[in-house]
Protein backbone atom coordinates (compact mmCIF):
# COMPACT_ATOMS: atom_id res chain seq x y z
CA MET A 1 -11.11 11.84 -5.63
CA THR A 2 -8.99 8.67 -5.64
CA VAL A 3 -9.98 7.85 -2.00
CA LEU A 4 -13.65 8.67 -2.85
CA ASP A 5 -13.57 6.19 -5.99
CA GLY A 6 -11.78 3.57 -4.06
CA SER A 7 -14.61 3.74 -1.18
CA ILE A 8 -17.37 3.54 -3.88
CA VAL A 9 -15.86 0.40 -5.57
CA THR A 10 -15.19 -1.11 -2.36
CA VAL A 11 -18.68 -0.70 -0.99
CA ALA A 12 -20.21 -1.75 -4.26
CA MET A 13 -18.45 -4.89 -5.16
CA PRO A 14 -20.55 -7.40 -3.34
CA ALA A 15 -23.69 -5.92 -4.91
CA VAL A 16 -21.90 -5.91 -8.47
CA GLN A 17 -21.17 -9.53 -8.17
CA ASN A 18 -24.53 -10.59 -6.90
CA ASP A 19 -26.60 -8.54 -9.26
CA LEU A 20 -24.81 -8.63 -12.36
CA GLY A 21 -23.36 -12.28 -11.91
CA PHE A 22 -19.69 -11.50 -12.10
CA SER A 23 -17.47 -14.15 -12.02
CA PRO A 24 -14.49 -13.79 -9.38
CA ALA A 25 -12.17 -12.94 -12.17
CA GLY A 26 -14.47 -10.48 -13.83
CA LEU A 27 -14.98 -9.03 -10.48
CA SER A 28 -11.16 -8.21 -10.09
CA TRP A 29 -11.10 -6.27 -13.27
CA VAL A 30 -13.69 -3.71 -11.97
CA VAL A 31 -10.94 -2.73 -9.44
CA ASN A 32 -8.27 -3.27 -12.19
CA ALA A 33 -9.94 -0.86 -14.42
CA TYR A 34 -9.52 2.02 -11.91
CA LEU A 35 -6.10 0.86 -11.16
CA LEU A 36 -5.04 0.66 -14.71
CA ALA A 37 -6.14 4.10 -15.43
CA PHE A 38 -4.79 5.59 -12.39
CA GLY A 39 -1.44 3.81 -13.33
CA GLY A 40 -1.52 4.74 -16.78
CA LEU A 41 -2.28 8.34 -16.76
CA PRO A 42 1.19 8.96 -14.42
CA LEU A 43 3.08 7.62 -17.40
CA LEU A 44 2.11 10.93 -19.44
CA ALA A 45 2.76 12.98 -16.20
CA GLY A 46 6.01 11.12 -15.97
CA ARG A 47 7.05 12.27 -19.48
CA LEU A 48 5.97 15.68 -18.68
CA GLY A 49 8.16 15.38 -15.49
CA ASP A 50 11.15 14.19 -17.59
CA LEU A 51 11.12 17.44 -19.66
CA ILE A 52 10.42 19.62 -16.54
CA ALA A 53 13.48 17.77 -14.88
CA LEU A 54 15.57 18.43 -17.87
CA CYS A 55 14.71 22.19 -17.72
CA LEU A 56 15.50 22.19 -14.02
CA GLN A 57 18.96 20.50 -14.72
CA ARG A 58 20.05 23.22 -16.66
CA VAL A 59 19.01 25.74 -14.22
CA LEU A 60 19.58 24.16 -11.06
CA GLY A 61 22.13 21.31 -11.71
CA HIS A 62 21.86 17.59 -11.65
CA GLY A 63 20.04 17.25 -8.33
CA ALA A 64 16.56 17.94 -9.56
CA ALA A 65 16.86 15.48 -12.32
CA ALA A 66 18.01 12.85 -10.17
CA THR A 67 15.36 13.52 -7.77
CA GLY A 68 12.58 13.24 -10.55
CA LEU A 69 13.95 9.86 -11.57
CA ALA A 70 14.35 8.21 -8.20
CA MET A 71 10.65 7.34 -7.79
CA PRO A 72 9.42 5.62 -10.99
CA PRO A 73 11.00 2.40 -10.06
CA ALA A 74 9.35 2.16 -6.73
CA ALA A 75 6.15 3.31 -8.24
CA ALA A 76 6.30 0.57 -10.82
CA VAL A 77 6.91 -2.18 -8.37
CA ILE A 78 4.17 -1.07 -6.11
CA GLY A 79 1.66 -1.10 -9.03
CA ALA A 80 2.79 -4.49 -10.35
CA VAL A 81 2.61 -6.24 -6.99
CA SER A 82 -0.83 -4.45 -6.13
CA LEU A 83 -2.20 -5.62 -9.58
CA GLY A 84 -0.74 -9.03 -10.01
CA VAL A 85 0.44 -10.48 -6.77
CA SER A 86 -1.23 -9.25 -3.88
CA ALA A 87 -4.60 -10.69 -4.52
CA ARG A 88 -3.35 -14.22 -5.34
CA LEU A 89 -1.19 -14.40 -2.28
CA SER A 90 -4.05 -13.28 -0.20
CA ALA A 91 -6.24 -15.97 -1.74
CA ARG A 92 -3.52 -18.63 -0.98
CA PHE A 93 -2.08 -17.53 2.28
CA GLY A 94 -4.80 -15.32 3.78
CA ASP A 95 -4.78 -11.49 4.38
CA ARG A 96 -2.97 -11.63 7.69
CA ASN A 97 0.05 -13.37 6.24
CA VAL A 98 0.20 -11.09 3.24
CA LEU A 99 -0.20 -7.96 5.57
CA LEU A 100 2.75 -9.23 7.95
CA LEU A 101 4.99 -10.03 4.69
CA GLY A 102 4.30 -6.28 3.56
CA LEU A 103 5.21 -4.89 6.84
CA ALA A 104 8.55 -7.00 7.08
CA LEU A 105 9.57 -5.70 3.75
CA LEU A 106 8.65 -2.01 4.75
CA ILE A 107 10.52 -2.48 8.01
CA ALA A 108 13.79 -3.80 6.14
CA LEU A 109 13.31 -0.92 3.52
CA LEU A 110 13.33 2.02 6.26
CA GLY A 111 16.11 0.05 8.26
CA LEU A 112 18.25 0.03 5.08
CA LEU A 113 17.41 3.56 4.34
CA THR A 114 19.17 4.60 7.60
CA ARG A 115 22.37 3.50 6.25
CA VAL A 116 22.19 5.40 2.90
CA PRO A 117 25.35 7.68 2.83
CA ALA A 118 25.04 11.50 2.23
CA HIS A 119 26.97 11.06 -1.09
CA GLY A 120 25.79 7.66 -2.25
CA HIS A 121 25.00 6.59 -5.85
CA TYR A 122 21.47 5.96 -6.93
CA ALA A 123 22.28 2.68 -8.83
CA THR A 124 24.03 0.97 -5.95
CA ASP A 125 22.61 2.72 -2.88
CA LEU A 126 19.04 3.38 -3.84
CA LEU A 127 17.68 1.47 -6.59
CA PRO A 128 18.07 -1.99 -5.08
CA LEU A 129 16.05 -0.90 -2.04
CA MET A 130 13.16 0.27 -4.15
CA PHE A 131 12.08 -3.35 -4.77
CA LEU A 132 11.38 -3.71 -1.02
CA ALA A 133 8.74 -1.05 -1.67
CA ALA A 134 6.62 -3.87 -2.93
CA GLY A 135 5.70 -4.11 0.85
CA PHE A 136 3.33 -1.23 0.14
CA GLY A 137 1.83 -3.20 -2.73
CA LEU A 138 1.34 -6.32 -0.32
CA ALA A 139 0.11 -4.39 2.89
CA LEU A 140 -2.20 -2.02 1.70
CA PRO A 141 -4.65 -4.31 -0.35
CA ALA A 142 -4.54 -6.80 2.58
CA LEU A 143 -5.13 -4.23 5.20
CA THR A 144 -8.29 -3.09 3.15
CA ALA A 145 -9.57 -6.67 2.79
CA LEU A 146 -9.29 -7.19 6.60
CA GLY A 147 -10.87 -3.62 7.50
CA MET A 148 -13.74 -4.55 5.62
CA SER A 149 -13.96 -8.14 6.30
CA GLY A 150 -16.60 -7.63 9.24
CA ALA A 151 -18.70 -5.22 7.34
CA GLY A 152 -22.22 -6.03 6.41
CA GLU A 153 -24.29 -4.57 3.73
CA GLU A 154 -26.01 -2.34 6.05
CA ASN A 155 -22.89 -0.60 7.30
CA ALA A 156 -20.33 -1.10 4.45
CA GLY A 157 -20.36 2.63 3.70
CA LEU A 158 -19.68 3.50 7.31
CA ALA A 159 -16.85 0.83 7.60
CA SER A 160 -15.41 2.16 4.28
CA GLY A 161 -15.34 5.81 5.40
CA LEU A 162 -13.92 4.89 8.70
CA PHE A 163 -10.97 3.03 7.23
CA ASN A 164 -10.21 5.61 4.71
CA THR A 165 -10.53 8.35 7.26
CA THR A 166 -8.30 6.70 9.60
CA GLN A 167 -5.74 6.01 6.88
CA GLN A 168 -5.59 9.38 5.50
CA ILE A 169 -5.32 10.89 9.21
CA GLY A 170 -2.65 8.48 9.96
CA MET A 171 -0.62 9.15 6.80
CA ALA A 172 -0.98 12.81 7.23
CA THR A 173 0.06 12.90 10.85
CA GLY A 174 2.94 10.48 10.45
CA VAL A 175 4.53 12.56 7.70
CA ALA A 176 3.96 15.71 9.69
CA VAL A 177 5.73 14.04 12.67
CA LEU A 178 8.65 12.46 10.74
CA SER A 179 9.30 15.59 8.74
CA THR A 180 9.50 17.66 12.16
CA LEU A 181 11.81 15.03 13.52
CA ALA A 182 14.03 15.19 10.24
CA ALA A 183 14.00 18.99 10.17
CA SER A 184 15.10 19.20 13.92
CA ARG A 185 17.80 16.81 13.57
CA THR A 186 19.11 18.60 10.53
CA ASP A 187 19.21 21.91 12.26
CA THR A 188 21.11 20.13 15.23
CA LEU A 189 23.73 18.56 12.90
CA LEU A 190 24.27 21.99 11.10
CA ALA A 191 24.64 23.98 14.33
CA ALA A 192 27.31 21.27 15.24
CA GLY A 193 29.16 21.96 12.10
CA HIS A 194 28.29 19.37 9.46
CA ASP A 195 27.76 20.30 6.03
CA ARG A 196 24.36 20.59 4.53
CA ALA A 197 24.21 17.43 2.68
CA GLU A 198 25.47 15.28 5.72
CA ALA A 199 23.20 17.16 7.93
CA LEU A 200 20.09 16.54 5.78
CA THR A 201 20.87 13.04 5.45
CA GLY A 202 21.26 12.57 9.12
CA GLY A 203 17.96 14.04 9.64
CA TYR A 204 16.18 11.74 7.31
CA HIS A 205 18.02 8.73 8.97
CA LEU A 206 16.27 9.57 12.23
CA ALA A 207 12.91 9.77 10.42
CA PHE A 208 13.58 6.54 8.64
CA ALA A 209 14.43 4.94 11.91
CA VAL A 210 11.43 6.20 13.83
CA GLY A 211 9.18 5.09 10.84
CA GLY A 212 10.83 1.63 11.06
CA GLY A 213 10.00 1.67 14.84
CA LEU A 214 6.41 2.38 14.23
CA LEU A 215 6.20 -0.37 11.52
CA THR A 216 7.53 -2.89 13.94
CA ALA A 217 4.88 -1.85 16.39
CA ALA A 218 2.32 -2.38 13.77
CA PHE A 219 3.70 -5.79 12.70
CA LEU A 220 3.53 -6.89 16.58
CA VAL A 221 0.01 -5.62 16.61
CA ALA A 222 -0.98 -7.49 13.59
CA LEU A 223 0.66 -10.66 14.73
CA THR A 224 -1.06 -10.68 18.08
CA VAL A 225 -4.41 -8.92 17.60
CA LEU A 226 -5.29 -10.37 14.39
CA GLY A 227 -4.39 -13.97 15.38
CA ARG A 228 -4.37 -17.00 13.22
CA PRO A 229 -7.49 -17.84 11.41
CA GLU A 230 -9.39 -20.99 12.65
CA PRO A 231 -9.02 -24.07 10.78
CA GLY A 232 -11.57 -24.30 7.94
CA THR A 233 -12.24 -20.64 7.62
CA ARG A 234 -11.26 -18.58 4.74
CA SER A 235 -9.80 -15.03 4.54
CA PRO A 236 -11.98 -12.32 2.83
CA SER A 237 -9.80 -12.50 -0.24
CA ALA A 238 -10.07 -16.25 -0.36
CA ASP A 239 -13.90 -15.83 -0.38
CA ARG A 240 -13.67 -13.31 -2.98
CA ALA A 241 -11.59 -15.61 -5.14
CA ARG A 242 -14.00 -18.52 -4.57
CA GLY A 243 -17.07 -16.55 -5.45
CA PRO A 244 -20.49 -16.83 -4.31
CA GLU A 245 -21.71 -20.08 -2.92
CA PRO A 246 -24.44 -21.81 -5.10
CA GLU A 247 -27.83 -21.44 -4.02
CA THR A 248 -29.77 -24.40 -2.95
CA ALA A 249 -33.02 -24.71 -4.58
CA HIS A 250 -36.25 -25.14 -2.31
CA ARG A 251 -39.17 -27.03 -3.49
CA THR A 252 -42.28 -26.62 -1.46
CA ASP A 253 -44.08 -29.48 -3.15
CA ALA A 254 -41.32 -31.80 -2.61
CA ALA A 255 -41.99 -35.03 -0.37
CA PRO A 256 -40.25 -35.43 2.86
CA ALA A 257 -37.40 -38.06 2.32
CA ALA A 258 -37.75 -41.30 3.80
């Protein structure tokens, strides 16, 4: 449903702006209204998660609660960047440059995650890395804008569907491949005599390393294939921030200029 709603809003935004006379700031709130609801409801779910984590802590020990508390900082950073930073950066520096910055942050994130120790501490070994997760909030909006930039009104729905389908299949395939690599590496380390924590950490180190390599390849593809915009051209986000061009009035009864 989230993907479907996002597709509908993306396709409808040009028509909303033209038919209802939305300003660029007002148009941004069409998307932000969805994001605020989507980001606000997990706060309630997060509180329920706290209660569930406390119950699991009493039954299973501290590991379950620590796992439940690990993701909110990353989610908060991603949401804040998506809402307040990404659009402004894209309007000023272009979607291509913002995409490259987001990919660079994610490459650094996965690279540092390959060095996390098996018995590390959340506050020192993981929490600082969560701020690099802002790369998701930069890369995904810029990638969406670039993916839809060449679509006209007659094929906007097709372009949006193709973009979302590619994104979902890519994420599902990536998770499947990386999880398989991590599990295989974990089994190998267990067979070699490592304890379970070290073996599991080593398995995910391999998955993070391969993921970092894939992101590096994506960075190089974006750097070479997208290319730099020609002088005098604007990015899709800059066009949205600028708003529609004023219409030129045509008078059929006007006398020709001398």
